[in-house]
Amino acid sequence: MYSVLLKEILLELEYDDETAKQDFVDYCRYEYADNIATLQTIDRFERDYCQDRVIYWYSQPCFFFELLNRSLRSQDIEILVRMTFVLRHLHKQIEHFHSNTISSGSPTCFHVYRGQGMDRKEFDSKIRNKVGGLLSFNSFLSTSENAAVAEIFVLRNDPNSVAVLFDIIVDKSMSRCPYASLTHNSAIADEEEILFSMHSVFRIQSIEENMDDGSWRVNLTMTHENDQQLHALTDHIRKRIEGPTGWNRLENLLMEMGKWKMVKPLIEVSLASSLRDECHRKRAYFHHQLGVINAMIGDYAMAIEHYKESLALKSPTDLLGLALIHNGIGSTLEEQGHSSDALGEYECALSLINQLGQINIEAVSAVRNNIAGVLRFQGKLLKALHMYEECLELEIKYLPALHPDLAITYANIASIYDDLNEYEIALRFEFKALNIEQHSLPSDHPSLAVTHSNIALTLYALNRIVEAVSHLQQTVDILTKVLTCDDPFLLRNRSLLEKLQREL
């Protein structure tokens, strides 16, 4: 889902080609400073690259191809933003050649092939256990009309991966994702390459294992279809991240993805720019965003400061905006241990929301969840549980089935059952939360780490140590990517992991 939204935004960002190219070249020189051969290739790229040569450069086995596909697969936003000019050029070139292909007299259907090695867990979760389901590729997808060429890339001798040959039936009438033949534009013409643009989606028709060497043949067909639940959530998030410019939408998307440290400097720049045009509405918005970010990274004093700046600048008629600020102040105060003050902020937020002409489910849910959290802290568990259940009823009725807010409420209900020592019931709700988050959040989102940690604690209470260790390891793996090494939450989970490993 996020890869689709990111692609849409990156392709519409406004920038100057030459400035963007120079920024990318400077970045590459820094990254490859110790590699003389690559530095020479970067020099050649700086001299020779232009929009009409993008396919030639993409097809070369060099830093350009490596960086682009690695960043698309891992959703490395920093590199992708630097390569936005390349993404747009390559996508437009593929679209151009695709229109020629569609209008030509070539066959309506034909086969293309792709050989690669896949991580075993990824193969099982995305392919082996999903026959009949959909498979999407975030990156540009290189294939060949020659099966023998694709066979070369099937990694049969790598013990750490599964050797896979994709056999894809391409149907011109179902070509939602543009593709193009690179035969006359590639640096390696004899590979008979067909290149698909970002986010191609296929139906997994069947899979066949070669019993002689353990490799797999995966038969795919093009499709117009999408996962309907994810499609509904994607549309919902697309509306939530709306903004006047592509850069604003990118900032909003990064907020949704939990990329706090990445988005913070971008919003600080936006705030500085808004000071020059003296637009109170913009400044209030950016201060609010910085309040959220600082709260999430644990700088509560700075979060409160930004929230108060936003509150002072907000129009008194913006009831929803004011409510969200009070809710943010409340959650920050609660993190600081001031639950009574937090409750006052939550009640103020709820009062403002109740004055809205049209109910805002996400805002109501967020505030009522927070109020229930204070009730839980006060020991009023059944009252808190009732409020959580009311939130859940509203969310199920009005929000997409995979909305992350549902996961939050499921997790909160689980926390009550944990407090009541009803661990089996708690575990059921925690796994409901995990299922939603695994479908609707990036794999390194901090919320996933929290859910894995909660599941581990419940499993530990049930004396299911091996399973608890597995979930704690996933918690630590995620937190190591997104937090500093001295973060208290990371240290607590790492310490607990080591303790449980000793108990095995």
Protein backbone atom coordinates (compact mmCIF):
# COMPACT_ATOMS: atom_id res chain seq x y z
CA MET A 1 0.00 0.00 0.00
CA TYR A 2 2.66 2.51 1.03
CA SER A 3 4.74 1.69 -2.04
CA VAL A 4 1.77 2.64 -4.25
CA LEU A 5 1.28 5.97 -2.48
CA LEU A 6 5.01 6.67 -2.44
CA LYS A 7 5.23 6.01 -6.18
CA GLU A 8 2.33 8.41 -6.86
CA ILE A 9 3.95 11.16 -4.80
CA LEU A 10 7.49 10.71 -6.11
CA LEU A 11 6.29 10.88 -9.71
CA GLU A 12 4.62 14.25 -9.09
CA LEU A 13 7.28 15.99 -6.96
CA GLU A 14 8.41 19.31 -8.42
CA TYR A 15 12.18 19.73 -8.86
CA ASP A 16 14.83 21.03 -11.23
CA ASP A 17 16.40 18.15 -13.19
CA GLU A 18 19.95 19.49 -13.19
CA THR A 19 19.90 20.40 -9.50
CA ALA A 20 18.47 16.99 -8.60
CA LYS A 21 21.04 15.23 -10.77
CA GLN A 22 23.93 17.11 -9.15
CA ASP A 23 22.60 16.35 -5.66
CA PHE A 24 22.41 12.65 -6.57
CA VAL A 25 25.93 12.65 -8.04
CA ASP A 26 27.34 14.33 -4.92
CA TYR A 27 25.60 11.75 -2.74
CA CYS A 28 26.99 8.87 -4.81
CA ARG A 29 30.53 10.25 -4.69
CA TYR A 30 30.29 10.34 -0.91
CA GLU A 31 28.82 6.83 -0.67
CA TYR A 32 31.39 5.27 -3.03
CA ALA A 33 34.39 7.38 -1.97
CA ASP A 34 36.59 4.27 -1.52
CA ASN A 35 35.67 2.63 -4.84
CA ILE A 36 37.77 4.09 -7.66
CA ALA A 37 36.05 2.12 -10.44
CA THR A 38 32.58 3.24 -9.31
CA LEU A 39 33.76 6.86 -8.96
CA GLN A 40 34.86 6.75 -12.60
CA THR A 41 31.40 5.44 -13.58
CA ILE A 42 29.80 8.26 -11.55
CA ASP A 43 31.93 10.79 -13.46
CA ARG A 44 30.69 9.28 -16.72
CA PHE A 45 27.09 9.39 -15.45
CA GLU A 46 27.49 13.09 -14.60
CA ARG A 47 28.72 13.82 -18.15
CA ASP A 48 26.44 11.55 -20.17
CA TYR A 49 23.14 11.08 -18.33
CA CYS A 50 19.98 12.67 -19.72
CA GLN A 51 16.32 11.66 -19.80
CA ASP A 52 16.64 9.89 -23.16
CA ARG A 53 19.51 7.75 -21.80
CA VAL A 54 17.78 6.55 -18.63
CA ILE A 55 17.03 3.04 -19.95
CA TYR A 56 20.62 2.66 -21.13
CA TRP A 57 21.89 3.56 -17.66
CA TYR A 58 19.32 1.38 -15.92
CA SER A 59 20.38 -1.65 -17.94
CA GLN A 60 24.05 -1.25 -17.04
CA PRO A 61 25.35 -3.42 -14.17
CA CYS A 62 26.61 -0.48 -12.11
CA PHE A 63 25.90 1.66 -9.04
CA PHE A 64 22.84 3.24 -10.71
CA PHE A 65 20.91 -0.03 -11.11
CA GLU A 66 22.02 -1.27 -7.69
CA LEU A 67 20.97 1.87 -5.80
CA LEU A 68 17.63 2.28 -7.55
CA ASN A 69 16.33 -1.25 -7.07
CA ARG A 70 17.74 -1.67 -3.58
CA SER A 71 16.06 1.54 -2.42
CA LEU A 72 12.75 0.57 -4.05
CA ARG A 73 12.77 -2.89 -2.44
CA SER A 74 13.66 -1.55 1.01
CA GLN A 75 11.60 1.66 0.63
CA ASP A 76 14.68 3.74 1.51
CA ILE A 77 12.99 7.13 1.29
CA GLU A 78 16.19 9.17 1.55
CA ILE A 79 17.70 7.60 -1.57
CA LEU A 80 14.38 7.50 -3.44
CA VAL A 81 13.88 11.24 -2.95
CA ARG A 82 17.39 11.83 -4.33
CA MET A 83 16.54 9.62 -7.32
CA THR A 84 13.10 11.09 -8.00
CA PHE A 85 14.25 12.58 -11.31
CA VAL A 86 15.42 9.11 -12.39
CA LEU A 87 12.17 7.42 -11.32
CA ARG A 88 10.14 9.89 -13.35
CA HIS A 89 12.40 9.64 -16.41
CA LEU A 90 12.38 5.83 -16.37
CA HIS A 91 8.63 5.59 -15.79
CA LYS A 92 7.94 8.04 -18.65
CA GLN A 93 10.27 6.18 -21.03
CA ILE A 94 8.55 2.89 -20.23
CA GLU A 95 5.13 4.51 -20.77
CA HIS A 96 6.32 5.90 -24.12
CA PHE A 97 7.61 2.57 -25.41
CA HIS A 98 4.62 0.75 -23.91
CA SER A 99 2.15 2.78 -25.98
CA ASN A 100 4.10 1.82 -29.11
CA THR A 101 4.05 -1.85 -28.07
CA ILE A 102 0.29 -1.84 -27.47
CA SER A 103 -0.45 -0.24 -30.84
CA SER A 104 1.92 -2.56 -32.75
CA GLY A 105 0.94 -5.80 -34.42
CA SER A 106 2.73 -7.99 -31.86
CA PRO A 107 0.83 -10.94 -30.28
CA THR A 108 -1.89 -10.13 -27.74
CA CYS A 109 -0.41 -12.59 -25.24
CA PHE A 110 3.20 -13.67 -24.74
CA HIS A 111 5.46 -15.13 -22.05
CA VAL A 112 8.29 -13.41 -20.18
CA TYR A 113 10.57 -14.95 -17.58
CA ARG A 114 12.50 -13.85 -14.52
CA GLY A 115 15.01 -15.86 -12.50
CA GLN A 116 16.06 -14.93 -8.99
CA GLY A 117 16.83 -16.18 -5.50
CA MET A 118 14.33 -15.44 -2.72
CA ASP A 119 14.60 -15.50 1.05
CA ARG A 120 12.89 -18.70 2.26
CA LYS A 121 10.51 -16.92 4.64
CA GLU A 122 9.58 -14.42 1.93
CA PHE A 123 8.98 -17.22 -0.58
CA ASP A 124 6.73 -19.11 1.85
CA SER A 125 4.71 -16.07 2.95
CA LYS A 126 4.32 -14.37 -0.44
CA ILE A 127 4.18 -17.31 -2.86
CA ARG A 128 4.13 -20.87 -1.50
CA ASN A 129 1.20 -20.21 0.83
CA LYS A 130 -0.58 -17.74 -1.49
CA VAL A 131 -1.37 -19.72 -4.66
CA GLY A 132 -4.40 -18.03 -6.23
CA GLY A 133 -3.52 -14.77 -4.51
CA LEU A 134 -1.77 -11.62 -5.72
CA LEU A 135 1.96 -10.90 -5.93
CA SER A 136 3.25 -7.35 -6.34
CA PHE A 137 6.75 -6.03 -7.07
CA ASN A 138 7.67 -2.62 -5.62
CA SER A 139 10.69 -2.11 -7.86
CA PHE A 140 11.04 -1.95 -11.62
CA LEU A 141 10.75 -5.57 -12.77
CA SER A 142 13.29 -6.88 -15.27
CA THR A 143 12.17 -9.92 -17.28
CA SER A 144 13.23 -11.61 -20.51
CA GLU A 145 11.36 -13.10 -23.44
CA ASN A 146 14.10 -15.73 -23.51
CA ALA A 147 13.68 -18.35 -20.77
CA ALA A 148 17.33 -19.39 -21.12
CA VAL A 149 18.45 -15.87 -20.19
CA ALA A 150 16.22 -15.87 -17.09
CA GLU A 151 17.58 -19.29 -16.09
CA ILE A 152 21.04 -17.73 -15.71
CA PHE A 153 19.76 -15.64 -12.78
CA VAL A 154 18.15 -18.57 -10.91
CA LEU A 155 20.43 -18.99 -7.87
CA ARG A 156 20.39 -22.78 -7.55
CA ASN A 157 23.56 -23.11 -5.47
CA ASP A 158 22.78 -20.60 -2.74
CA PRO A 159 21.81 -22.49 0.46
CA ASN A 160 20.32 -19.34 1.99
CA SER A 161 17.73 -18.73 -0.72
CA VAL A 162 15.06 -20.43 -2.80
CA ALA A 163 15.78 -20.65 -6.53
CA VAL A 164 12.76 -19.28 -8.44
CA LEU A 165 11.89 -18.97 -12.12
CA PHE A 166 8.85 -16.78 -12.77
CA ASP A 167 6.88 -17.58 -15.93
CA ILE A 168 4.62 -14.59 -16.61
CA ILE A 169 1.84 -14.49 -19.19
CA VAL A 170 1.56 -10.90 -20.43
CA ASP A 171 -1.83 -9.92 -21.82
CA LYS A 172 -1.95 -6.58 -23.67
CA SER A 173 -5.61 -6.16 -22.80
CA MET A 174 -4.79 -6.25 -19.06
CA SER A 175 -1.68 -4.05 -19.06
CA ARG A 176 -2.51 -1.71 -16.19
CA CYS A 177 1.19 -1.47 -15.29
CA PRO A 178 3.22 -0.19 -18.27
CA TYR A 179 6.03 -2.35 -19.66
CA ALA A 180 8.42 -1.98 -22.56
CA SER A 181 10.91 -3.94 -24.63
CA LEU A 182 14.46 -2.67 -24.07
CA THR A 183 16.01 -4.55 -27.00
CA HIS A 184 16.93 -1.39 -28.93
CA ASN A 185 17.69 0.81 -25.91
CA SER A 186 19.51 -1.44 -23.46
CA ALA A 187 23.24 -1.58 -22.80
CA ILE A 188 22.87 -5.39 -23.08
CA ALA A 189 20.69 -5.96 -26.15
CA ASP A 190 20.92 -9.77 -26.30
CA GLU A 191 18.97 -10.27 -23.05
CA GLU A 192 15.65 -9.57 -24.87
CA GLU A 193 14.54 -7.63 -21.80
CA ILE A 194 10.99 -6.55 -21.02
CA LEU A 195 10.94 -3.99 -18.21
CA PHE A 196 7.83 -3.36 -16.10
CA SER A 197 7.40 -0.07 -14.24
CA MET A 198 7.04 0.12 -10.47
CA HIS A 199 4.34 -1.80 -8.64
CA SER A 200 3.35 -4.46 -11.14
CA VAL A 201 0.71 -6.89 -9.81
CA PHE A 202 0.19 -10.50 -10.90
CA ARG A 203 -2.03 -13.44 -10.00
CA ILE A 204 -0.19 -16.57 -8.77
CA GLN A 205 -1.73 -19.29 -10.93
CA SER A 206 0.38 -22.26 -9.82
CA ILE A 207 3.80 -23.29 -8.53
CA GLU A 208 5.88 -26.34 -9.40
CA GLU A 209 8.95 -27.70 -7.59
CA ASN A 210 11.80 -29.25 -9.56
CA MET A 211 12.59 -32.32 -7.47
CA ASP A 212 16.05 -32.64 -9.05
CA ASP A 213 17.49 -29.36 -7.81
CA GLY A 214 14.84 -27.94 -5.42
CA SER A 215 14.11 -24.90 -7.61
CA TRP A 216 10.57 -23.59 -8.15
CA ARG A 217 8.67 -22.48 -11.24
CA VAL A 218 6.05 -19.86 -10.39
CA ASN A 219 3.37 -19.24 -13.02
CA LEU A 220 1.94 -15.71 -12.98
CA THR A 221 -0.69 -13.89 -15.03
CA MET A 222 -1.36 -10.17 -15.33
CA THR A 223 -4.43 -8.92 -13.52
CA HIS A 224 -6.55 -5.80 -13.09
CA GLU A 225 -7.41 -6.91 -9.57
CA ASN A 226 -6.23 -5.63 -6.21
CA ASP A 227 -6.66 -6.83 -2.67
CA GLN A 228 -10.01 -5.12 -2.01
CA GLN A 229 -9.37 -4.49 1.70
CA LEU A 230 -5.96 -2.96 0.98
CA HIS A 231 -7.43 -0.98 -1.92
CA ALA A 232 -10.06 0.53 0.41
CA LEU A 233 -7.40 1.40 2.99
CA THR A 234 -5.12 2.86 0.31
CA ASP A 235 -7.90 5.19 -0.84
CA HIS A 236 -8.56 6.17 2.77
CA ILE A 237 -4.89 6.96 3.48
CA ARG A 238 -4.57 8.79 0.14
CA LYS A 239 -7.26 11.21 1.33
CA ARG A 240 -5.62 11.57 4.76
CA ILE A 241 -2.27 12.61 3.29
CA GLU A 242 -3.68 15.21 0.90
CA GLY A 243 -1.73 18.46 0.74
CA PRO A 244 -1.16 21.47 -1.54
CA THR A 245 2.15 20.14 -2.94
CA GLY A 246 3.85 16.81 -3.57
CA TRP A 247 6.39 17.64 -0.87
CA ASN A 248 3.60 18.19 1.68
CA ARG A 249 2.04 14.87 0.70
CA LEU A 250 5.43 13.17 1.09
CA GLU A 251 5.77 14.61 4.61
CA ASN A 252 2.27 13.39 5.48
CA LEU A 253 3.00 9.92 4.10
CA LEU A 254 6.22 9.66 6.10
CA MET A 255 4.19 10.55 9.20
CA GLU A 256 1.76 7.72 8.41
CA MET A 257 4.71 5.35 7.97
CA GLY A 258 6.21 6.27 11.34
CA LYS A 259 9.42 7.65 9.78
CA TRP A 260 9.73 10.25 12.53
CA LYS A 261 13.43 11.05 12.31
CA MET A 262 13.34 11.20 8.53
CA VAL A 263 10.38 13.56 8.29
CA LYS A 264 11.42 15.86 11.16
CA PRO A 265 14.02 17.91 9.20
CA LEU A 266 11.64 18.17 6.22
CA ILE A 267 8.88 19.68 8.36
CA GLU A 268 11.35 21.98 10.12
CA VAL A 269 12.29 23.35 6.69
CA SER A 270 8.59 23.74 5.82
CA LEU A 271 8.02 25.59 9.11
CA ALA A 272 10.91 27.95 8.40
CA SER A 273 9.47 28.66 4.93
CA SER A 274 6.03 29.37 6.41
CA LEU A 275 7.55 32.02 8.70
CA ARG A 276 8.46 34.09 5.65
CA ASP A 277 4.93 34.25 4.23
CA GLU A 278 3.39 34.79 7.70
CA CYS A 279 0.67 32.22 7.11
CA HIS A 280 -0.69 31.34 10.57
CA ARG A 281 -2.61 28.31 9.29
CA LYS A 282 0.52 26.71 7.81
CA ARG A 283 2.63 27.49 10.87
CA ALA A 284 0.00 26.00 13.17
CA TYR A 285 -0.08 22.85 11.04
CA PHE A 286 3.70 22.39 11.01
CA HIS A 287 4.00 23.06 14.75
CA HIS A 288 1.35 20.39 15.32
CA GLN A 289 3.26 17.91 13.14
CA LEU A 290 6.47 18.63 15.05
CA GLY A 291 4.57 18.13 18.30
CA VAL A 292 3.55 14.65 17.16
CA ILE A 293 7.07 13.80 15.96
CA ASN A 294 8.84 14.97 19.11
CA ALA A 295 6.37 13.07 21.27
CA MET A 296 7.01 9.90 19.28
CA ILE A 297 10.79 10.18 19.62
CA GLY A 298 10.52 10.87 23.35
CA ASP A 299 11.31 14.60 23.49
CA TYR A 300 8.19 15.45 25.48
CA ALA A 301 9.19 18.99 26.51
CA MET A 302 9.75 19.98 22.89
CA ALA A 303 6.50 18.26 21.90
CA ILE A 304 4.52 20.33 24.42
CA GLU A 305 6.25 23.50 23.19
CA HIS A 306 5.25 22.84 19.57
CA TYR A 307 1.69 21.86 20.53
CA LYS A 308 1.28 25.12 22.46
CA GLU A 309 2.67 27.14 19.52
CA SER A 310 0.14 25.41 17.27
CA LEU A 311 -2.68 26.06 19.73
CA ALA A 312 -1.85 29.79 19.84
CA LEU A 313 -1.92 30.04 16.03
CA LYS A 314 -5.03 27.95 15.38
CA SER A 315 -8.23 29.61 14.27
CA PRO A 316 -10.93 29.28 16.97
CA THR A 317 -13.29 27.98 14.28
CA ASP A 318 -11.03 25.00 13.47
CA LEU A 319 -12.66 22.71 16.03
CA LEU A 320 -11.10 19.50 14.72
CA GLY A 321 -7.62 21.02 14.58
CA LEU A 322 -7.94 22.31 18.14
CA ALA A 323 -9.21 18.92 19.32
CA LEU A 324 -6.23 17.11 17.79
CA ILE A 325 -3.81 19.50 19.50
CA HIS A 326 -5.45 19.00 22.91
CA ASN A 327 -5.39 15.24 22.34
CA GLY A 328 -1.68 15.44 21.49
CA ILE A 329 -0.94 17.50 24.60
CA GLY A 330 -2.90 14.98 26.66
CA SER A 331 -1.02 11.95 25.36
CA THR A 332 2.31 13.72 25.95
CA LEU A 333 1.34 14.63 29.52
CA GLU A 334 0.27 11.03 30.08
CA GLU A 335 3.69 9.80 28.91
CA GLN A 336 5.22 12.16 31.49
CA GLY A 337 3.08 10.61 34.23
CA HIS A 338 0.55 13.45 34.54
CA SER A 339 -2.59 11.37 34.00
CA SER A 340 -5.02 13.80 35.69
CA ASP A 341 -3.85 16.72 33.54
CA ALA A 342 -3.96 14.44 30.50
CA LEU A 343 -7.58 13.51 31.21
CA GLY A 344 -8.51 17.21 31.24
CA GLU A 345 -6.95 17.67 27.79
CA TYR A 346 -8.75 14.59 26.45
CA GLU A 347 -12.11 15.78 27.76
CA CYS A 348 -11.50 19.19 26.15
CA ALA A 349 -10.68 17.46 22.86
CA LEU A 350 -13.83 15.32 23.03
CA SER A 351 -15.98 18.37 23.77
CA LEU A 352 -14.62 20.11 20.66
CA ILE A 353 -15.18 17.02 18.50
CA ASN A 354 -18.78 16.74 19.71
CA GLN A 355 -19.41 20.27 18.37
CA LEU A 356 -18.53 19.20 14.82
CA GLY A 357 -21.37 19.05 12.34
CA GLN A 358 -20.19 15.66 11.05
CA ILE A 359 -18.67 12.93 13.19
CA ASN A 360 -14.96 12.24 12.64
CA ILE A 361 -14.53 8.57 13.54
CA GLU A 362 -10.73 8.62 13.68
CA ALA A 363 -10.66 11.63 16.01
CA VAL A 364 -13.41 10.26 18.27
CA SER A 365 -11.69 6.88 18.41
CA ALA A 366 -8.27 8.36 19.22
CA VAL A 367 -9.59 10.53 22.07
CA ARG A 368 -11.87 7.88 23.58
CA ASN A 369 -9.06 5.33 23.43
CA ASN A 370 -6.88 7.77 25.35
CA ILE A 371 -9.58 8.45 27.95
CA ALA A 372 -9.98 4.70 28.42
CA GLY A 373 -6.21 4.48 28.90
CA VAL A 374 -6.42 6.88 31.84
CA LEU A 375 -9.31 4.86 33.30
CA ARG A 376 -7.15 1.75 33.02
CA PHE A 377 -4.31 3.54 34.83
CA GLN A 378 -6.78 4.46 37.59
CA GLY A 379 -7.69 0.78 37.96
CA LYS A 380 -11.18 1.16 36.47
CA LEU A 381 -10.62 -1.79 34.16
CA LEU A 382 -14.21 -2.74 33.31
CA LYS A 383 -15.15 0.88 32.60
CA ALA A 384 -12.08 1.20 30.36
CA LEU A 385 -12.93 -2.07 28.61
CA HIS A 386 -16.47 -0.86 27.91
CA MET A 387 -15.12 2.35 26.34
CA TYR A 388 -12.62 0.42 24.20
CA GLU A 389 -15.41 -1.87 23.00
CA GLU A 390 -17.54 1.15 22.04
CA CYS A 391 -14.59 2.51 20.03
CA LEU A 392 -14.16 -0.84 18.31
CA GLU A 393 -17.84 -0.97 17.36
CA LEU A 394 -17.59 2.47 15.72
CA GLU A 395 -14.35 1.63 13.91
CA ILE A 396 -15.65 -1.66 12.52
CA LYS A 397 -18.74 0.14 11.24
CA TYR A 398 -17.05 3.14 9.59
CA LEU A 399 -13.35 2.44 8.91
CA PRO A 400 -11.69 0.16 6.33
CA ALA A 401 -11.17 -3.37 7.68
CA LEU A 402 -7.38 -3.02 7.73
CA HIS A 403 -7.24 0.48 9.23
CA PRO A 404 -4.37 0.79 11.78
CA ASP A 405 -6.74 2.43 14.31
CA LEU A 406 -8.51 -0.93 14.62
CA ALA A 407 -5.19 -2.51 15.58
CA ILE A 408 -4.70 0.12 18.29
CA THR A 409 -8.10 -0.63 19.80
CA TYR A 410 -7.59 -4.41 19.63
CA ALA A 411 -4.26 -3.96 21.41
CA ASN A 412 -5.86 -1.76 24.07
CA ILE A 413 -8.59 -4.34 24.71
CA ALA A 414 -5.86 -6.97 25.02
CA SER A 415 -4.12 -4.84 27.66
CA ILE A 416 -7.24 -4.94 29.83
CA TYR A 417 -7.45 -8.73 29.60
CA ASP A 418 -3.74 -8.91 30.46
CA ASP A 419 -4.46 -6.83 33.57
CA LEU A 420 -7.31 -9.23 34.42
CA ASN A 421 -4.91 -12.21 33.97
CA GLU A 422 -7.09 -13.47 31.10
CA TYR A 423 -4.03 -14.18 28.98
CA GLU A 424 -5.60 -16.44 26.34
CA ILE A 425 -8.25 -13.80 25.56
CA ALA A 426 -5.58 -11.08 25.54
CA LEU A 427 -3.52 -13.09 23.08
CA ARG A 428 -6.45 -13.40 20.66
CA PHE A 429 -6.86 -9.61 20.55
CA GLU A 430 -3.10 -9.05 20.24
CA PHE A 431 -2.93 -11.34 17.22
CA LYS A 432 -5.87 -9.48 15.65
CA ALA A 433 -3.88 -6.27 16.09
CA LEU A 434 -0.76 -7.89 14.63
CA ASN A 435 -2.64 -9.21 11.59
CA ILE A 436 -3.93 -5.73 10.72
CA GLU A 437 -0.54 -4.09 11.25
CA GLN A 438 1.26 -6.67 9.12
CA HIS A 439 -1.12 -5.87 6.27
CA SER A 440 -1.34 -2.10 6.69
CA LEU A 441 1.99 -0.84 8.09
CA PRO A 442 5.57 -0.90 6.79
CA SER A 443 7.56 -3.85 8.14
CA ASP A 444 9.74 -1.54 10.26
CA HIS A 445 6.92 0.57 11.74
CA PRO A 446 7.40 1.14 15.51
CA SER A 447 3.80 0.02 16.20
CA LEU A 448 4.67 -3.47 14.98
CA ALA A 449 7.51 -3.61 17.48
CA VAL A 450 5.15 -2.64 20.31
CA THR A 451 2.64 -5.33 19.30
CA HIS A 452 5.31 -8.04 19.09
CA SER A 453 6.54 -6.95 22.53
CA ASN A 454 3.02 -7.15 23.99
CA ILE A 455 2.50 -10.61 22.49
CA ALA A 456 5.84 -11.75 23.92
CA LEU A 457 4.87 -10.62 27.43
CA THR A 458 1.53 -12.44 27.21
CA LEU A 459 3.19 -15.60 25.91
CA TYR A 460 5.71 -15.39 28.74
CA ALA A 461 2.85 -15.20 31.24
CA LEU A 462 1.50 -18.40 29.62
CA ASN A 463 4.96 -19.99 29.95
CA ARG A 464 5.29 -20.26 26.15
CA ILE A 465 8.92 -19.16 26.24
CA VAL A 466 10.03 -20.25 22.77
CA GLU A 467 7.23 -18.27 21.09
CA ALA A 468 7.87 -15.29 23.36
CA VAL A 469 11.54 -15.24 22.35
CA SER A 470 10.56 -15.25 18.66
CA HIS A 471 8.31 -12.20 19.07
CA LEU A 472 10.82 -10.36 21.25
CA GLN A 473 13.50 -10.95 18.62
CA GLN A 474 11.22 -9.34 16.03
CA THR A 475 10.66 -6.42 18.42
CA VAL A 476 14.39 -5.87 18.86
CA ASP A 477 15.05 -6.24 15.11
CA ILE A 478 12.54 -3.48 14.29
CA LEU A 479 13.58 -1.16 17.11
CA THR A 480 17.25 -1.48 16.17
CA LYS A 481 16.36 -0.05 12.75
CA VAL A 482 14.29 2.89 13.96
CA LEU A 483 15.59 3.89 17.40
CA THR A 484 18.93 4.94 18.85
CA CYS A 485 20.91 2.24 20.66
CA ASP A 486 20.27 3.86 24.07
CA ASP A 487 16.47 4.16 23.71
CA PRO A 488 14.84 2.90 26.96
CA PHE A 489 12.16 0.82 25.17
CA LEU A 490 14.79 -0.91 23.03
CA LEU A 491 17.01 -1.56 26.06
CA ARG A 492 14.08 -3.03 28.05
CA ASN A 493 13.12 -5.40 25.26
CA ARG A 494 16.71 -6.43 24.58
CA SER A 495 17.24 -7.13 28.29
CA LEU A 496 14.04 -9.21 28.45
CA LEU A 497 15.06 -11.11 25.31
CA GLU A 498 18.40 -12.03 26.86
CA LYS A 499 16.64 -13.10 30.07
CA LEU A 500 14.21 -15.37 28.20
CA GLN A 501 16.96 -16.84 26.03
CA ARG A 502 18.74 -17.92 29.22
CA GLU A 503 15.54 -19.65 30.36
CA LEU A 504 15.28 -21.80 27.23
